[in-house]
C-alpha atoms as a PDB file:
ATOM      1  CA  MET A   1     -19.316  15.650  24.273  1.00  0.00           C
ATOM      2  CA  PRO A   2     -16.217  14.580  24.685  1.00  0.00           C
ATOM      3  CA  LYS A   3     -14.955  12.710  20.920  1.00  0.00           C
ATOM      4  CA  THR A   4     -15.196   9.222  20.353  1.00  0.00           C
ATOM      5  CA  CYS A   5     -11.171   8.890  19.752  1.00  0.00           C
ATOM      6  CA  GLU A   6     -10.060  11.189  22.686  1.00  0.00           C
ATOM      7  CA  ASN A   7      -6.619  10.267  24.104  1.00  0.00           C
ATOM      8  CA  LYS A   8      -6.111   6.963  21.633  1.00  0.00           C
ATOM      9  CA  VAL A   9      -3.826   6.473  19.504  1.00  0.00           C
ATOM     10  CA  ALA A  10      -4.401   4.912  15.640  1.00  0.00           C
ATOM     11  CA  LEU A  11      -1.790   3.522  13.103  1.00  0.00           C
ATOM     12  CA  VAL A  12      -3.081   3.761   9.657  1.00  0.00           C
ATOM     13  CA  THR A  13      -1.445   2.603   6.799  1.00  0.00           C
ATOM     14  CA  GLY A  14      -1.292   3.154   3.476  1.00  0.00           C
ATOM     15  CA  ALA A  15      -2.342   6.843   4.621  1.00  0.00           C
ATOM     16  CA  SER A  16      -0.810   9.378   1.616  1.00  0.00           C
ATOM     17  CA  ARG A  17      -3.819   9.269  -0.296  1.00  0.00           C
ATOM     18  CA  GLY A  18      -7.620   7.187  -0.977  1.00  0.00           C
ATOM     19  CA  LEU A  19      -9.069   5.053   2.097  1.00  0.00           C
ATOM     20  CA  GLY A  20      -5.729   5.792   4.209  1.00  0.00           C
ATOM     21  CA  LYS A  21      -6.098   9.477   4.262  1.00  0.00           C
ATOM     22  CA  ALA A  22      -9.638   9.628   4.377  1.00  0.00           C
ATOM     23  CA  ILE A  23     -10.079   6.826   7.113  1.00  0.00           C
ATOM     24  CA  ALA A  24      -6.671   8.858   9.304  1.00  0.00           C
ATOM     25  CA  GLN A  25      -9.068  12.071   8.550  1.00  0.00           C
ATOM     26  CA  ARG A  26     -11.577  10.965  10.533  1.00  0.00           C
ATOM     27  CA  LEU A  27      -9.585   9.217  13.260  1.00  0.00           C
ATOM     28  CA  ALA A  28      -8.094  12.498  14.426  1.00  0.00           C
ATOM     29  CA  ALA A  29     -11.387  14.798  13.942  1.00  0.00           C
ATOM     30  CA  GLU A  30     -12.767  12.567  16.286  1.00  0.00           C
ATOM     31  CA  GLY A  31      -9.705  13.101  19.017  1.00  0.00           C
ATOM     32  CA  ALA A  32      -6.911  10.609  18.017  1.00  0.00           C
ATOM     33  CA  THR A  33      -3.307  11.035  17.345  1.00  0.00           C
ATOM     34  CA  ILE A  34      -2.240   9.355  14.263  1.00  0.00           C
ATOM     35  CA  GLY A  35       0.652   7.432  13.148  1.00  0.00           C
ATOM     36  CA  LEU A  36       0.690   8.068   9.695  1.00  0.00           C
ATOM     37  CA  THR A  37       2.993   5.623   7.221  1.00  0.00           C
ATOM     38  CA  ALA A  38       2.811   5.127   3.421  1.00  0.00           C
ATOM     39  CA  ARG A  39       6.081   4.983   0.762  1.00  0.00           C
ATOM     40  CA  THR A  40       5.216   8.390   0.295  1.00  0.00           C
ATOM     41  CA  LEU A  41       6.494  10.577   2.349  1.00  0.00           C
ATOM     42  CA  GLU A  42       7.199  14.019   0.192  1.00  0.00           C
ATOM     43  CA  PRO A  43       4.467  14.960  -3.017  1.00  0.00           C
ATOM     44  CA  ASP A  44       5.901  13.407  -5.906  1.00  0.00           C
ATOM     45  CA  PRO A  45       4.481  14.370  -9.110  1.00  0.00           C
ATOM     46  CA  ARG A  46       4.238  10.384  -9.978  1.00  0.00           C
ATOM     47  CA  TYR A  47       1.561  10.033  -7.627  1.00  0.00           C
ATOM     48  CA  HIS A  48      -1.597  11.688  -6.602  1.00  0.00           C
ATOM     49  CA  GLY A  49      -1.061  12.196  -2.296  1.00  0.00           C
ATOM     50  CA  SER A  50       1.645  11.930  -0.147  1.00  0.00           C
ATOM     51  CA  LEU A  51       2.185  11.736   3.726  1.00  0.00           C
ATOM     52  CA  GLN A  52       2.984  14.861   4.340  1.00  0.00           C
ATOM     53  CA  GLN A  53      -0.091  16.352   2.750  1.00  0.00           C
ATOM     54  CA  THR A  54      -2.209  14.464   4.740  1.00  0.00           C
ATOM     55  CA  LEU A  55       0.214  15.468   8.333  1.00  0.00           C
ATOM     56  CA  ASP A  56      -0.164  18.846   6.967  1.00  0.00           C
ATOM     57  CA  GLU A  57      -4.323  17.972   6.272  1.00  0.00           C
ATOM     58  CA  ILE A  58      -4.683  16.870  10.001  1.00  0.00           C
ATOM     59  CA  ASN A  59      -2.092  19.517  12.074  1.00  0.00           C
ATOM     60  CA  ALA A  60      -4.181  22.890   9.648  1.00  0.00           C
ATOM     61  CA  ALA A  61      -7.884  20.602  10.546  1.00  0.00           C
ATOM     62  CA  GLY A  62      -6.638  20.965  14.450  1.00  0.00           C
ATOM     63  CA  GLY A  63      -5.814  17.553  14.790  1.00  0.00           C
ATOM     64  CA  SER A  64      -2.308  15.406  15.614  1.00  0.00           C
ATOM     65  CA  ALA A  65      -0.260  13.294  14.100  1.00  0.00           C
ATOM     66  CA  VAL A  66       3.033  12.086  12.577  1.00  0.00           C
ATOM     67  CA  ALA A  67       4.509  10.466   9.697  1.00  0.00           C
ATOM     68  CA  ILE A  68       6.619   7.730   9.425  1.00  0.00           C
ATOM     69  CA  GLN A  69       7.451   6.430   5.977  1.00  0.00           C
ATOM     70  CA  ALA A  70       7.861   2.918   5.416  1.00  0.00           C
ATOM     71  CA  ASP A  71       7.785  -0.284   2.835  1.00  0.00           C
ATOM     72  CA  LEU A  72       5.189  -2.110   3.987  1.00  0.00           C
ATOM     73  CA  SER A  73       6.174  -5.306   2.480  1.00  0.00           C
ATOM     74  CA  GLN A  74       9.633  -5.374   4.245  1.00  0.00           C
ATOM     75  CA  SER A  75       9.309  -7.304   7.693  1.00  0.00           C
ATOM     76  CA  GLU A  76      12.513  -4.630   8.652  1.00  0.00           C
ATOM     77  CA  ASP A  77      10.440  -1.754   7.615  1.00  0.00           C
ATOM     78  CA  ARG A  78       7.573  -3.561   9.609  1.00  0.00           C
ATOM     79  CA  ASN A  79       9.674  -3.502  13.042  1.00  0.00           C
ATOM     80  CA  ARG A  80      10.941  -0.373  12.191  1.00  0.00           C
ATOM     81  CA  LEU A  81       7.848   1.542  12.337  1.00  0.00           C
ATOM     82  CA  PHE A  82       6.357   0.022  15.339  1.00  0.00           C
ATOM     83  CA  VAL A  83       9.251   1.347  17.370  1.00  0.00           C
ATOM     84  CA  GLU A  84       9.452   4.881  15.571  1.00  0.00           C
ATOM     85  CA  LEU A  85       5.845   5.215  16.176  1.00  0.00           C
ATOM     86  CA  VAL A  86       5.761   4.049  19.759  1.00  0.00           C
ATOM     87  CA  GLU A  87       8.803   5.986  21.210  1.00  0.00           C
ATOM     88  CA  ARG A  88       6.757   9.618  19.665  1.00  0.00           C
ATOM     89  CA  VAL A  89       3.661   9.092  20.667  1.00  0.00           C
ATOM     90  CA  GLY A  90       2.803   5.877  22.015  1.00  0.00           C
ATOM     91  CA  ALA A  91       1.645   2.141  21.185  1.00  0.00           C
ATOM     92  CA  PRO A  92      -1.763   2.467  19.168  1.00  0.00           C
ATOM     93  CA  ASP A  93      -4.909   1.436  21.013  1.00  0.00           C
ATOM     94  CA  ILE A  94      -6.535   1.306  17.054  1.00  0.00           C
ATOM     95  CA  LEU A  95      -4.619  -0.065  13.786  1.00  0.00           C
ATOM     96  CA  VAL A  96      -6.308   0.099  10.354  1.00  0.00           C
ATOM     97  CA  ASN A  97      -4.855  -2.072   8.043  1.00  0.00           C
ATOM     98  CA  ASN A  98      -5.705  -0.058   4.457  1.00  0.00           C
ATOM     99  CA  ALA A  99      -1.888  -0.552   2.557  1.00  0.00           C
ATOM    100  CA  ALA A 100      -2.187  -2.081  -0.499  1.00  0.00           C
ATOM    101  CA  VAL A 101      -1.153  -3.330  -3.427  1.00  0.00           C
ATOM    102  CA  THR A 102      -3.472  -4.309  -6.279  1.00  0.00           C
ATOM    103  CA  PHE A 103      -2.386  -5.743 -10.138  1.00  0.00           C
ATOM    104  CA  LEU A 104      -4.839  -6.746 -12.030  1.00  0.00           C
ATOM    105  CA  ARG A 105      -4.009  -9.743 -14.655  1.00  0.00           C
ATOM    106  CA  PRO A 106      -6.044 -13.240 -15.628  1.00  0.00           C
ATOM    107  CA  LEU A 107      -4.499 -16.258 -13.442  1.00  0.00           C
ATOM    108  CA  GLU A 108      -2.655 -18.259 -15.875  1.00  0.00           C
ATOM    109  CA  GLU A 109      -0.333 -15.626 -17.023  1.00  0.00           C
ATOM    110  CA  PHE A 110       0.048 -13.793 -13.205  1.00  0.00           C
ATOM    111  CA  PRO A 111       3.526 -12.947 -12.527  1.00  0.00           C
ATOM    112  CA  GLU A 112       5.047 -15.295  -9.710  1.00  0.00           C
ATOM    113  CA  ARG A 113       6.853 -12.434  -8.179  1.00  0.00           C
ATOM    114  CA  ARG A 114       3.630  -9.865  -8.433  1.00  0.00           C
ATOM    115  CA  ALA A 115       1.084 -12.248  -6.027  1.00  0.00           C
ATOM    116  CA  ARG A 116       3.914 -12.852  -3.946  1.00  0.00           C
ATOM    117  CA  LEU A 117       3.982  -8.881  -3.697  1.00  0.00           C
ATOM    118  CA  MET A 118       0.381  -8.710  -3.367  1.00  0.00           C
ATOM    119  CA  VAL A 119       0.191 -11.847  -0.506  1.00  0.00           C
ATOM    120  CA  GLU A 120       3.093  -9.814   1.537  1.00  0.00           C
ATOM    121  CA  MET A 121       0.848  -6.778   1.234  1.00  0.00           C
ATOM    122  CA  HIS A 122      -2.751  -7.928   2.240  1.00  0.00           C
ATOM    123  CA  LEU A 123      -2.267 -10.429   4.207  1.00  0.00           C
ATOM    124  CA  LEU A 124       1.569 -10.660   6.250  1.00  0.00           C
ATOM    125  CA  ALA A 125       1.847  -7.126   6.628  1.00  0.00           C
ATOM    126  CA  PRO A 126      -1.793  -7.089   8.098  1.00  0.00           C
ATOM    127  CA  MET A 127      -0.993 -10.311  10.475  1.00  0.00           C
ATOM    128  CA  HIS A 128       2.667  -9.206  11.193  1.00  0.00           C
ATOM    129  CA  LEU A 129       1.438  -5.501  12.575  1.00  0.00           C
ATOM    130  CA  THR A 130      -1.394  -6.759  15.132  1.00  0.00           C
ATOM    131  CA  GLN A 131       1.412  -8.930  16.185  1.00  0.00           C
ATOM    132  CA  LEU A 132       3.450  -6.253  17.349  1.00  0.00           C
ATOM    133  CA  ALA A 133      -0.003  -3.977  18.041  1.00  0.00           C
ATOM    134  CA  ILE A 134      -1.287  -6.842  19.920  1.00  0.00           C
ATOM    135  CA  PRO A 135       1.043  -6.954  23.843  1.00  0.00           C
ATOM    136  CA  ALA A 136       0.115  -3.214  24.389  1.00  0.00           C
ATOM    137  CA  MET A 137      -3.962  -3.555  23.915  1.00  0.00           C
ATOM    138  CA  ARG A 138      -3.235  -6.815  26.119  1.00  0.00           C
ATOM    139  CA  GLU A 139      -1.619  -4.950  28.897  1.00  0.00           C
ATOM    140  CA  ARG A 140      -4.404  -2.079  28.178  1.00  0.00           C
ATOM    141  CA  GLY A 141      -7.465  -4.553  28.216  1.00  0.00           C
ATOM    142  CA  ARG A 142      -8.854  -3.051  24.868  1.00  0.00           C
ATOM    143  CA  GLY A 143      -7.935  -2.135  21.104  1.00  0.00           C
ATOM    144  CA  TRP A 144      -9.275  -2.480  17.866  1.00  0.00           C
ATOM    145  CA  VAL A 145      -8.078  -3.561  14.933  1.00  0.00           C
ATOM    146  CA  LEU A 146      -9.671  -2.945  11.599  1.00  0.00           C
ATOM    147  CA  ASN A 147      -8.349  -4.599   8.391  1.00  0.00           C
ATOM    148  CA  VAL A 148      -9.910  -2.581   5.094  1.00  0.00           C
ATOM    149  CA  THR A 149     -10.714  -5.354   2.007  1.00  0.00           C
ATOM    150  CA  SER A 150     -12.853  -5.649  -0.373  1.00  0.00           C
ATOM    151  CA  VAL A 151     -16.254  -7.064  -1.503  1.00  0.00           C
ATOM    152  CA  GLY A 152     -14.053  -8.716  -4.392  1.00  0.00           C
ATOM    153  CA  GLY A 153     -12.712 -11.056  -1.181  1.00  0.00           C
ATOM    154  CA  ASP A 154     -16.520 -12.811  -1.842  1.00  0.00           C
ATOM    155  CA  LEU A 155     -16.369 -16.098  -3.927  1.00  0.00           C
ATOM    156  CA  PRO A 156     -17.704 -15.167  -7.787  1.00  0.00           C
ATOM    157  CA  GLU A 157     -21.471 -16.123  -8.469  1.00  0.00           C
ATOM    158  CA  GLY A 158     -21.347 -19.216 -11.420  1.00  0.00           C
ATOM    159  CA  PRO A 159     -22.225 -20.917 -13.457  1.00  0.00           C
ATOM    160  CA  PRO A 160     -22.775 -18.974 -16.064  1.00  0.00           C
ATOM    161  CA  PHE A 161     -20.177 -16.316 -14.584  1.00  0.00           C
ATOM    162  CA  SER A 162     -20.867 -13.047 -14.872  1.00  0.00           C
ATOM    163  CA  GLU A 163     -18.638 -10.994 -18.260  1.00  0.00           C
ATOM    164  CA  PHE A 164     -16.375  -9.023 -14.668  1.00  0.00           C
ATOM    165  CA  ASP A 165     -15.411 -12.482 -13.071  1.00  0.00           C
ATOM    166  CA  ARG A 166     -14.497 -13.763 -16.959  1.00  0.00           C
ATOM    167  CA  THR A 167     -12.375 -11.294 -17.448  1.00  0.00           C
ATOM    168  CA  ALA A 168     -11.609  -8.906 -15.347  1.00  0.00           C
ATOM    169  CA  GLY A 169      -8.417 -10.380 -14.027  1.00  0.00           C
ATOM    170  CA  PHE A 170      -9.070  -9.994 -10.249  1.00  0.00           C
ATOM    171  CA  GLY A 171      -8.681 -13.409  -9.271  1.00  0.00           C
ATOM    172  CA  VAL A 172      -5.518 -12.682  -7.214  1.00  0.00           C
ATOM    173  CA  TYR A 173      -6.596  -9.471  -5.806  1.00  0.00           C
ATOM    174  CA  GLY A 174     -10.042 -11.453  -4.418  1.00  0.00           C
ATOM    175  CA  THR A 175      -8.080 -14.664  -3.553  1.00  0.00           C
ATOM    176  CA  VAL A 176      -5.911 -12.633  -0.613  1.00  0.00           C
ATOM    177  CA  LYS A 177      -8.905 -10.209   0.407  1.00  0.00           C
ATOM    178  CA  ALA A 178     -11.113 -14.209   1.356  1.00  0.00           C
ATOM    179  CA  ALA A 179      -8.054 -14.813   2.682  1.00  0.00           C
ATOM    180  CA  LEU A 180      -7.393 -11.812   5.065  1.00  0.00           C
ATOM    181  CA  ASN A 181     -11.369 -11.848   5.959  1.00  0.00           C
ATOM    182  CA  ARG A 182     -10.766 -15.563   6.999  1.00  0.00           C
ATOM    183  CA  LEU A 183      -7.370 -13.618   9.016  1.00  0.00           C
ATOM    184  CA  THR A 184      -9.747 -11.354  10.980  1.00  0.00           C
ATOM    185  CA  LYS A 185     -12.256 -14.178  12.270  1.00  0.00           C
ATOM    186  CA  SER A 186      -9.781 -15.778  12.880  1.00  0.00           C
ATOM    187  CA  LEU A 187      -7.420 -13.270  14.890  1.00  0.00           C
ATOM    188  CA  ALA A 188     -11.275 -12.151  16.787  1.00  0.00           C
ATOM    189  CA  ALA A 189     -11.909 -15.234  18.155  1.00  0.00           C
ATOM    190  CA  GLU A 190      -7.990 -15.872  19.653  1.00  0.00           C
ATOM    191  CA  LEU A 191      -7.846 -12.191  21.097  1.00  0.00           C
ATOM    192  CA  TYR A 192     -11.727 -12.019  22.040  1.00  0.00           C
ATOM    193  CA  ASP A 193     -10.986 -12.478  25.833  1.00  0.00           C
ATOM    194  CA  ASP A 194      -8.459  -9.773  26.310  1.00  0.00           C
ATOM    195  CA  GLY A 195     -10.257  -6.939  25.381  1.00  0.00           C
ATOM    196  CA  ILE A 196      -9.185  -6.643  21.508  1.00  0.00           C
ATOM    197  CA  ALA A 197     -11.634  -5.814  18.349  1.00  0.00           C
ATOM    198  CA  VAL A 198     -10.164  -7.283  15.269  1.00  0.00           C
ATOM    199  CA  ASN A 199     -12.732  -6.457  12.141  1.00  0.00           C
ATOM    200  CA  ALA A 200     -12.788  -5.785   8.551  1.00  0.00           C
ATOM    201  CA  ALA A 201     -14.725  -3.504   6.347  1.00  0.00           C
ATOM    202  CA  ALA A 202     -15.074  -2.785   2.848  1.00  0.00           C
ATOM    203  CA  PRO A 203     -16.839  -0.632   0.689  1.00  0.00           C
ATOM    204  CA  SER A 204     -19.944  -1.820  -0.959  1.00  0.00           C
ATOM    205  CA  ASN A 205     -19.443  -0.160  -3.677  1.00  0.00           C
ATOM    206  CA  PRO A 206     -16.059   0.972  -5.290  1.00  0.00           C
ATOM    207  CA  VAL A 207     -15.128   4.578  -4.467  1.00  0.00           C
ATOM    208  CA  ALA A 208     -13.781   6.636  -6.665  1.00  0.00           C
ATOM    209  CA  THR A 209     -10.462   7.205  -4.834  1.00  0.00           C
ATOM    210  CA  PRO A 210      -7.162   8.610  -7.376  1.00  0.00           C
ATOM    211  CA  GLY A 211      -6.145   5.218  -6.876  1.00  0.00           C
ATOM    212  CA  ALA A 212      -9.500   3.301  -7.987  1.00  0.00           C
ATOM    213  CA  GLY A 213     -10.083   5.811 -10.011  1.00  0.00           C
ATOM    214  CA  THR A 214      -8.302   4.607 -13.027  1.00  0.00           C
ATOM    215  CA  LEU A 215     -10.387   1.671 -13.554  1.00  0.00           C
ATOM    216  CA  ASP A 216     -13.814   1.485 -14.946  1.00  0.00           C
ATOM    217  CA  LEU A 217     -15.225  -0.412 -12.707  1.00  0.00           C
ATOM    218  CA  ALA A 218     -14.841   3.009 -10.050  1.00  0.00           C
ATOM    219  CA  LYS A 219     -16.858   5.273 -12.532  1.00  0.00           C
ATOM    220  CA  THR A 220     -19.697   4.350 -12.673  1.00  0.00           C
ATOM    221  CA  ASP A 221     -22.129   2.475  -9.786  1.00  0.00           C
ATOM    222  CA  THR A 222     -19.895   4.565  -7.130  1.00  0.00           C
ATOM    223  CA  GLU A 223     -20.464   5.546  -3.408  1.00  0.00           C
ATOM    224  CA  ASP A 224     -19.258   8.416  -1.416  1.00  0.00           C
ATOM    225  CA  ILE A 225     -16.193   7.934   0.745  1.00  0.00           C
ATOM    226  CA  GLU A 226     -17.711   9.299   3.774  1.00  0.00           C
ATOM    227  CA  LEU A 227     -19.600   6.026   4.440  1.00  0.00           C
ATOM    228  CA  ILE A 228     -16.222   3.586   4.385  1.00  0.00           C
ATOM    229  CA  THR A 229     -14.956   6.653   7.406  1.00  0.00           C
ATOM    230  CA  GLN A 230     -18.433   6.340   9.468  1.00  0.00           C
ATOM    231  CA  THR A 231     -18.076   2.519   8.947  1.00  0.00           C
ATOM    232  CA  ALA A 232     -14.338   2.375  10.093  1.00  0.00           C
ATOM    233  CA  LEU A 233     -15.136   4.509  12.974  1.00  0.00           C
ATOM    234  CA  THR A 234     -17.787   2.680  14.304  1.00  0.00           C
ATOM    235  CA  LEU A 235     -15.575  -0.656  14.252  1.00  0.00           C
ATOM    236  CA  CYS A 236     -12.748   1.422  15.871  1.00  0.00           C
ATOM    237  CA  THR A 237     -14.659   2.708  18.707  1.00  0.00           C
ATOM    238  CA  ALA A 238     -17.263   0.007  19.244  1.00  0.00           C
ATOM    239  CA  ASP A 239     -16.998  -2.564  22.154  1.00  0.00           C
ATOM    240  CA  PRO A 240     -15.083  -5.024  21.841  1.00  0.00           C
ATOM    241  CA  LYS A 241     -17.296  -7.584  23.510  1.00  0.00           C
ATOM    242  CA  SER A 242     -19.852  -6.877  21.004  1.00  0.00           C
ATOM    243  CA  MET A 243     -18.566  -5.769  17.940  1.00  0.00           C
ATOM    244  CA  THR A 244     -15.428  -8.084  16.755  1.00  0.00           C
ATOM    245  CA  GLY A 245     -15.717 -10.884  14.018  1.00  0.00           C
ATOM    246  CA  ARG A 246     -17.471  -8.745  11.420  1.00  0.00           C
ATOM    247  CA  ILE A 247     -16.809  -8.255   7.639  1.00  0.00           C
ATOM    248  CA  ALA A 248     -18.620  -5.290   7.275  1.00  0.00           C
ATOM    249  CA  HIS A 249     -19.979  -4.036   4.082  1.00  0.00           C
ATOM    250  CA  THR A 250     -20.613  -0.912   3.734  1.00  0.00           C
ATOM    251  CA  GLN A 251     -24.360  -0.132   3.299  1.00  0.00           C
ATOM    252  CA  PRO A 252     -25.592  -2.906   4.711  1.00  0.00           C
ATOM    253  CA  PHE A 253     -23.893  -2.377   8.112  1.00  0.00           C
ATOM    254  CA  LEU A 254     -24.710   1.150   8.330  1.00  0.00           C
ATOM    255  CA  ARG A 255     -28.350   0.627   7.800  1.00  0.00           C
ATOM    256  CA  GLU A 256     -27.983  -2.099   9.977  1.00  0.00           C
ATOM    257  CA  ILE A 257     -26.470   0.591  13.131  1.00  0.00           C
ATOM    258  CA  GLY A 258     -29.038   2.979  11.504  1.00  0.00           C
ATOM    259  CA  TRP A 259     -26.284   5.556  10.016  1.00  0.00           C
ATOM    260  CA  LEU A 260     -28.392   5.129   6.548  1.00  0.00           C
ATOM    261  CA  ARG A 261     -31.215   4.429   5.420  1.00  0.00           C
END
């Protein structure tokens, strides 16, 4: 049986650890050549994981990948990343916007510079990278963009409001993810006639990744990382005419397609 991503190039951001690393490995196992990017290229004791480690693991498993260090909060780095990717392996058929930076704090004391950084990383960087990817996807008549979002982008229920919504400091995080969801829908509509699918995916429950694992909410009621990798694979390979504009939460989505009972 042919692999579902054979002869495709996939750019995965935030691929040094966590969800990005797992998605990159899953796409590589399905035959894609992976462009890995993050800020951490070489192992650093301050962080769990690096691009080099992800690259080494993909190669050891028989996959193909290249690693390109970039700070995606900087427009010039995004441009440089894309140029280097095209030179080394070609323009991406698949773009996975996973890179993120998260600060949790009540809105009344949230620093403006940190809010701007979160908007840049969660919203402007995915939009810019998608803009860079569109021309080659349009020329091929096919393409897949996946934005990694969060159930935190859903509107809080209330009043009365839960203790989490009152105290967890997720206001800016939820706001940028809600904006990313809206961007996903808009891009899906605008690119539908070009055969380019644009979707978003989020774990239904927290995944205990090295980054999220330090949060109390990621220590209980968690789900296996395989649920997001399967969701990502499905959304990055499905027919763009029938599977686009989805804001998919892993568990109901995987039940819908019959992968999960």
